[in-house]
């Protein structure tokens, strides 16, 4: 067993500088990454936009404390929910985690379901500078005062390309596009043309998309959401709601959070909240399939039962 593990580790370091494990929610990505890290002496690096928040371990299905203790885990729960964390902030943190893994001669294993994070990792990202807090607060205040339709109309005047691309009621993205104009004097498409290079260019990684059969995946999603409720998700969300943070913050929009806040306020029953949460998560999984198929075709789609064999093949195993 030790010989096989050494061979697997050597094979991966010889053939790939990093392994990327993507897939829809509840597909078994974290367990697969943990298993691979144990076999290769690797480090698991989070690529899920909601698992970065320390306030949300249960509702985002972050690895447990016990799992995190078994192998090195990076970029899990390291951001406060009050922070408007972005793909740009994540890629900066990911660069440090990647550098640390390489310095320690550990296989970097990026795992998650956030397509934009993986796209930034392998294709690069626009070089939009940080938005000053006062600019963000001003745009958000106008959003609450004037409504999303008014801000979309303003965006159509100032950045018609972005306005045409966005849905008229997409509060978060409309606000973001206006924040960029206010802070930099330039529209988002201008920044997108001047991108940062990828951390992992082609040839420096092996990438799989874990693709379970849909009905089986949806059954797992339903069971997992119910298990979250039984494990304290309502109490976790109640603690977050008590902070009275801006509802437009990413952490406040994590799947299950808004409906559980409504349940805590007495607006819906627990059963209604559970059904909505399960449905919302299934819909999100469907979007993940579509996004990766069209945006990141270099990811090889692998059934869960074949995933370990796929990884061993990439490690030079028979």
Protein backbone atom coordinates (compact mmCIF):
# COMPACT_ATOMS: atom_id res chain seq x y z
CA UNK A 1 0.00 0.00 0.00
CA UNK A 2 2.81 2.41 0.83
CA UNK A 3 4.54 1.59 -2.46
CA UNK A 4 1.32 2.26 -4.38
CA UNK A 5 0.86 5.56 -2.57
CA UNK A 6 4.44 6.61 -3.32
CA UNK A 7 4.01 5.63 -6.96
CA UNK A 8 0.76 7.58 -7.19
CA UNK A 9 2.37 10.64 -5.65
CA UNK A 10 5.35 10.40 -7.98
CA UNK A 11 3.09 9.89 -10.97
CA UNK A 12 1.03 12.96 -10.26
CA UNK A 13 4.02 15.16 -9.69
CA UNK A 14 5.46 13.88 -12.96
CA UNK A 15 2.34 14.34 -15.10
CA UNK A 16 0.45 17.22 -13.56
CA UNK A 17 1.28 20.27 -11.50
CA UNK A 18 -2.25 20.47 -10.09
CA UNK A 19 -5.53 18.56 -10.05
CA UNK A 20 -8.88 20.33 -10.48
CA UNK A 21 -12.04 18.61 -9.25
CA UNK A 22 -15.27 20.36 -10.17
CA UNK A 23 -18.87 19.24 -10.28
CA UNK A 24 -22.39 20.07 -9.17
CA UNK A 25 -23.29 20.47 -5.54
CA UNK A 26 -23.61 17.21 -3.56
CA UNK A 27 -21.75 15.19 -6.21
CA UNK A 28 -19.04 13.93 -3.83
CA UNK A 29 -16.24 16.32 -4.82
CA UNK A 30 -14.95 16.96 -1.31
CA UNK A 31 -14.73 13.27 -0.45
CA UNK A 32 -12.87 12.58 -3.69
CA UNK A 33 -10.42 15.41 -3.03
CA UNK A 34 -9.85 14.22 0.53
CA UNK A 35 -9.15 10.68 -0.68
CA UNK A 36 -6.72 11.93 -3.33
CA UNK A 37 -4.92 14.19 -0.85
CA UNK A 38 -4.47 11.30 1.57
CA UNK A 39 -3.04 9.06 -1.17
CA UNK A 40 -0.67 11.66 -2.63
CA UNK A 41 0.26 13.82 0.33
CA UNK A 42 -1.57 16.67 -1.34
CA UNK A 43 -3.30 19.81 -0.10
CA UNK A 44 -7.00 20.52 -0.69
CA UNK A 45 -7.68 24.09 -1.86
CA UNK A 46 -11.25 25.37 -1.82
CA UNK A 47 -12.77 26.62 -5.09
CA UNK A 48 -16.31 27.16 -3.82
CA UNK A 49 -17.47 30.75 -3.46
CA UNK A 50 -19.68 30.08 -0.41
CA UNK A 51 -17.39 27.75 1.53
CA UNK A 52 -14.95 30.64 2.02
CA UNK A 53 -17.27 32.13 4.68
CA UNK A 54 -16.57 31.19 8.28
CA UNK A 55 -20.18 31.90 9.28
CA UNK A 56 -21.55 29.15 7.03
CA UNK A 57 -20.06 25.73 7.65
CA UNK A 58 -23.27 23.67 7.76
CA UNK A 59 -25.43 25.30 5.09
CA UNK A 60 -22.56 25.29 2.56
CA UNK A 61 -21.51 21.68 3.35
CA UNK A 62 -17.95 22.64 4.18
CA UNK A 63 -15.64 19.77 5.17
CA UNK A 64 -15.98 18.91 8.83
CA UNK A 65 -13.37 19.79 11.42
CA UNK A 66 -12.34 16.13 11.48
CA UNK A 67 -11.94 16.01 7.70
CA UNK A 68 -9.91 19.21 7.67
CA UNK A 69 -7.60 17.68 10.28
CA UNK A 70 -6.81 14.64 8.11
CA UNK A 71 -5.03 16.57 5.35
CA UNK A 72 -4.13 20.24 4.83
CA UNK A 73 -7.12 22.33 3.72
CA UNK A 74 -6.78 25.89 2.48
CA UNK A 75 -9.24 28.76 1.83
CA UNK A 76 -12.11 27.28 3.83
CA UNK A 77 -13.97 29.57 6.24
CA UNK A 78 -11.28 32.24 6.09
CA UNK A 79 -13.58 35.16 5.15
CA UNK A 80 -16.08 36.99 7.34
CA UNK A 81 -19.65 37.14 6.02
CA UNK A 82 -19.54 40.93 6.09
CA UNK A 83 -16.94 40.90 3.30
CA UNK A 84 -18.03 41.23 -0.31
CA UNK A 85 -15.60 38.53 -1.42
CA UNK A 86 -14.95 38.32 -5.16
CA UNK A 87 -13.30 36.06 -7.70
CA UNK A 88 -10.44 38.53 -7.81
CA UNK A 89 -9.91 38.26 -4.06
CA UNK A 90 -10.11 34.47 -4.30
CA UNK A 91 -7.54 34.24 -7.08
CA UNK A 92 -5.11 36.30 -4.99
CA UNK A 93 -5.59 33.92 -2.07
CA UNK A 94 -5.37 30.91 -4.40
CA UNK A 95 -2.04 32.15 -5.75
CA UNK A 96 -0.63 32.15 -2.21
CA UNK A 97 -2.03 28.68 -1.49
CA UNK A 98 -0.59 27.36 -4.75
CA UNK A 99 2.81 28.87 -4.00
CA UNK A 100 2.76 27.32 -0.52
CA UNK A 101 1.85 23.88 -1.88
CA UNK A 102 4.63 24.01 -4.44
CA UNK A 103 7.16 25.17 -1.86
CA UNK A 104 6.24 22.15 0.28
CA UNK A 105 6.23 19.82 -2.73
CA UNK A 106 2.56 18.97 -2.15
CA UNK A 107 0.10 18.26 -4.93
CA UNK A 108 -2.40 21.17 -5.16
CA UNK A 109 -5.96 19.82 -5.40
CA UNK A 110 -8.50 22.53 -6.20
CA UNK A 111 -12.06 21.41 -5.49
CA UNK A 112 -15.41 23.18 -5.70
CA UNK A 113 -18.41 24.05 -7.79
CA UNK A 114 -17.82 27.72 -8.60
CA UNK A 115 -17.23 27.88 -12.32
CA UNK A 116 -15.98 31.45 -12.27
CA UNK A 117 -13.23 30.50 -9.81
CA UNK A 118 -12.03 27.67 -12.05
CA UNK A 119 -12.25 29.91 -15.10
CA UNK A 120 -10.15 32.55 -13.35
CA UNK A 121 -7.68 29.86 -12.34
CA UNK A 122 -7.23 28.44 -15.83
CA UNK A 123 -8.10 31.34 -18.15
CA UNK A 124 -7.17 34.42 -16.14
CA UNK A 125 -9.33 37.23 -14.79
CA UNK A 126 -10.05 40.84 -15.59
CA UNK A 127 -7.82 43.28 -13.76
CA UNK A 128 -10.57 45.30 -12.08
CA UNK A 129 -9.05 47.15 -9.10
CA UNK A 130 -10.66 46.93 -5.65
CA UNK A 131 -13.80 49.05 -5.24
CA UNK A 132 -13.54 51.60 -2.38
CA UNK A 133 -16.11 50.88 0.36
CA UNK A 134 -17.61 54.37 0.08
CA UNK A 135 -18.35 53.84 -3.63
CA UNK A 136 -19.99 50.48 -2.95
CA UNK A 137 -22.07 51.91 -0.11
CA UNK A 138 -23.23 54.83 -2.26
CA UNK A 139 -24.38 52.57 -5.10
CA UNK A 140 -26.12 50.18 -2.70
CA UNK A 141 -27.91 53.09 -1.02
CA UNK A 142 -29.16 54.32 -4.38
CA UNK A 143 -30.28 50.80 -5.22
CA UNK A 144 -32.43 50.68 -2.10
CA UNK A 145 -33.73 54.21 -2.58
CA UNK A 146 -34.40 54.29 -6.33
CA UNK A 147 -34.89 50.61 -7.18
CA UNK A 148 -33.13 48.24 -9.55
CA UNK A 149 -34.98 49.50 -12.65
CA UNK A 150 -33.59 53.02 -12.19
CA UNK A 151 -30.04 51.73 -11.80
CA UNK A 152 -30.39 49.47 -14.84
CA UNK A 153 -31.54 52.50 -16.85
CA UNK A 154 -28.50 54.44 -15.64
CA UNK A 155 -26.24 51.52 -16.56
CA UNK A 156 -27.77 51.46 -20.05
CA UNK A 157 -26.63 55.06 -20.50
CA UNK A 158 -23.16 54.63 -19.05
CA UNK A 159 -22.31 51.03 -20.04
CA UNK A 160 -24.78 49.81 -22.68
CA UNK A 161 -22.81 46.61 -23.34
CA UNK A 162 -23.15 45.43 -19.74
CA UNK A 163 -26.74 46.62 -19.49
CA UNK A 164 -27.69 44.61 -22.57
CA UNK A 165 -26.01 41.49 -21.15
CA UNK A 166 -27.61 41.71 -17.69
CA UNK A 167 -31.19 40.96 -16.73
CA UNK A 168 -33.01 44.18 -15.74
CA UNK A 169 -33.66 42.88 -12.21
CA UNK A 170 -30.21 41.41 -11.51
CA UNK A 171 -29.56 43.65 -8.50
CA UNK A 172 -26.11 42.37 -7.64
CA UNK A 173 -24.54 42.49 -11.10
CA UNK A 174 -26.11 45.83 -12.01
CA UNK A 175 -24.76 47.34 -8.79
CA UNK A 176 -21.35 45.80 -9.47
CA UNK A 177 -21.18 47.23 -12.99
CA UNK A 178 -22.06 50.71 -11.73
CA UNK A 179 -19.55 50.42 -8.88
CA UNK A 180 -16.77 49.74 -11.39
CA UNK A 181 -17.71 52.79 -13.47
CA UNK A 182 -17.95 55.01 -10.39
CA UNK A 183 -14.62 53.82 -8.98
CA UNK A 184 -12.53 53.63 -12.16
CA UNK A 185 -14.25 55.71 -14.81
CA UNK A 186 -14.17 52.68 -17.09
CA UNK A 187 -16.79 50.07 -17.94
CA UNK A 188 -16.43 46.40 -17.07
CA UNK A 189 -15.95 45.27 -20.69
CA UNK A 190 -12.90 47.55 -20.90
CA UNK A 191 -11.36 45.87 -17.88
CA UNK A 192 -12.22 42.41 -19.22
CA UNK A 193 -10.10 43.09 -22.28
CA UNK A 194 -7.06 43.66 -20.05
CA UNK A 195 -7.03 40.42 -18.13
CA UNK A 196 -4.59 38.91 -15.67
CA UNK A 197 -2.83 35.71 -16.82
CA UNK A 198 -4.05 32.35 -15.48
CA UNK A 199 -2.39 30.79 -12.44
CA UNK A 200 -2.58 27.41 -14.17
CA UNK A 201 -2.09 27.64 -17.94
CA UNK A 202 -2.96 24.68 -20.21
CA UNK A 203 -0.67 21.72 -19.62
CA UNK A 204 -0.17 22.47 -15.93
CA UNK A 205 -3.25 20.70 -14.59
CA UNK A 206 -5.56 17.73 -14.92
CA UNK A 207 -9.24 18.62 -14.62
CA UNK A 208 -12.34 16.52 -14.10
CA UNK A 209 -15.99 17.40 -13.73
CA UNK A 210 -17.76 14.91 -11.48
CA UNK A 211 -20.99 14.12 -13.34
CA UNK A 212 -23.48 11.93 -11.45
CA UNK A 213 -26.69 10.68 -13.01
CA UNK A 214 -29.27 13.46 -12.53
CA UNK A 215 -31.94 11.58 -10.56
CA UNK A 216 -29.36 10.15 -8.17
CA UNK A 217 -27.81 13.60 -7.70
CA UNK A 218 -31.17 15.23 -6.98
CA UNK A 219 -31.94 12.55 -4.39
CA UNK A 220 -28.58 13.29 -2.73
CA UNK A 221 -29.32 17.01 -2.75
CA UNK A 222 -32.68 16.47 -1.06
CA UNK A 223 -31.23 14.16 1.57
CA UNK A 224 -28.31 16.48 2.26
CA UNK A 225 -30.50 19.55 2.71
CA UNK A 226 -32.64 17.67 5.22
CA UNK A 227 -29.47 16.52 7.00
CA UNK A 228 -28.27 20.13 7.16
CA UNK A 229 -31.47 21.18 8.90
CA UNK A 230 -31.08 18.33 11.37
CA UNK A 231 -27.46 19.32 12.02
CA UNK A 232 -28.07 22.94 12.99
CA UNK A 233 -28.40 24.87 9.73
CA UNK A 234 -31.32 26.91 11.08
CA UNK A 235 -29.36 27.94 14.15
CA UNK A 236 -26.35 28.79 11.97
CA UNK A 237 -28.44 31.00 9.70
CA UNK A 238 -30.14 32.60 12.71
CA UNK A 239 -26.73 33.66 14.03
CA UNK A 240 -25.90 35.16 10.64
CA UNK A 241 -29.26 36.95 10.42
CA UNK A 242 -28.69 38.45 13.87
CA UNK A 243 -25.72 40.35 12.46
CA UNK A 244 -28.12 42.36 10.25
CA UNK A 245 -25.74 42.45 7.31
CA UNK A 246 -26.46 43.91 3.88
CA UNK A 247 -28.77 41.38 2.14
CA UNK A 248 -26.83 41.92 -1.10
CA UNK A 249 -23.65 40.44 0.36
CA UNK A 250 -22.75 37.08 -1.20
CA UNK A 251 -22.94 35.19 2.12
CA UNK A 252 -26.49 36.41 2.64
CA UNK A 253 -27.52 34.86 -0.69
CA UNK A 254 -26.00 31.41 -0.18
CA UNK A 255 -28.42 28.66 -1.12
CA UNK A 256 -30.80 28.08 1.77
CA UNK A 257 -29.91 31.24 3.65
CA UNK A 258 -32.67 33.63 2.42
CA UNK A 259 -35.48 31.10 2.84
CA UNK A 260 -34.28 30.03 6.27
CA UNK A 261 -34.19 33.67 7.33
CA UNK A 262 -37.81 33.90 6.20
CA UNK A 263 -38.58 30.81 8.28
CA UNK A 264 -36.83 32.33 11.31
CA UNK A 265 -39.01 35.43 10.90
CA UNK A 266 -42.13 33.27 10.81
CA UNK A 267 -42.94 33.99 7.18
CA UNK A 268 -42.78 30.34 6.04
CA UNK A 269 -42.96 27.01 7.84
CA UNK A 270 -39.97 24.75 8.28
CA UNK A 271 -41.45 22.32 5.76
CA UNK A 272 -41.96 25.09 3.20
CA UNK A 273 -38.43 26.36 3.74
CA UNK A 274 -37.03 22.86 3.33
CA UNK A 275 -38.92 22.27 0.10
CA UNK A 276 -37.82 25.61 -1.32
CA UNK A 277 -34.21 24.96 -0.28
CA UNK A 278 -34.17 21.54 -1.93
CA UNK A 279 -35.72 22.89 -5.13
CA UNK A 280 -33.38 25.88 -5.29
CA UNK A 281 -30.34 23.64 -4.84
CA UNK A 282 -31.48 21.23 -7.57
CA UNK A 283 -31.92 24.19 -9.92
CA UNK A 284 -28.43 25.40 -9.05
CA UNK A 285 -26.97 21.97 -9.82
CA UNK A 286 -28.65 22.06 -13.23
CA UNK A 287 -27.06 25.44 -13.93
CA UNK A 288 -23.66 24.09 -12.91
CA UNK A 289 -23.92 21.30 -15.49
CA UNK A 290 -24.79 23.82 -18.19
CA UNK A 291 -22.12 26.35 -17.20
CA UNK A 292 -19.22 23.91 -17.18
CA UNK A 293 -20.34 22.28 -20.41
CA UNK A 294 -20.25 25.58 -22.27
CA UNK A 295 -17.60 27.57 -20.41
CA UNK A 296 -14.92 25.02 -19.49
CA UNK A 297 -14.94 22.21 -22.06
CA UNK A 298 -11.38 21.24 -21.09
CA UNK A 299 -12.78 19.61 -17.94
CA UNK A 300 -13.27 15.90 -18.58
CA UNK A 301 -16.69 14.67 -17.43
CA UNK A 302 -16.37 11.57 -15.27
CA UNK A 303 -19.02 9.48 -13.51
CA UNK A 304 -18.48 9.24 -9.72
CA UNK A 305 -17.88 5.50 -9.84
CA UNK A 306 -15.09 6.04 -12.40
CA UNK A 307 -13.47 9.07 -10.78
CA UNK A 308 -10.87 7.28 -8.66
CA UNK A 309 -9.81 5.21 -11.65
CA UNK A 310 -9.52 8.38 -13.71
CA UNK A 311 -7.26 9.93 -11.08
CA UNK A 312 -5.11 6.83 -10.79
CA UNK A 313 -4.69 6.76 -14.57
CA UNK A 314 -3.52 10.35 -14.48
CA UNK A 315 -1.04 9.28 -11.81
CA UNK A 316 0.43 6.63 -14.06
CA UNK A 317 -1.28 3.74 -12.32
CA UNK A 318 -2.34 0.62 -14.25
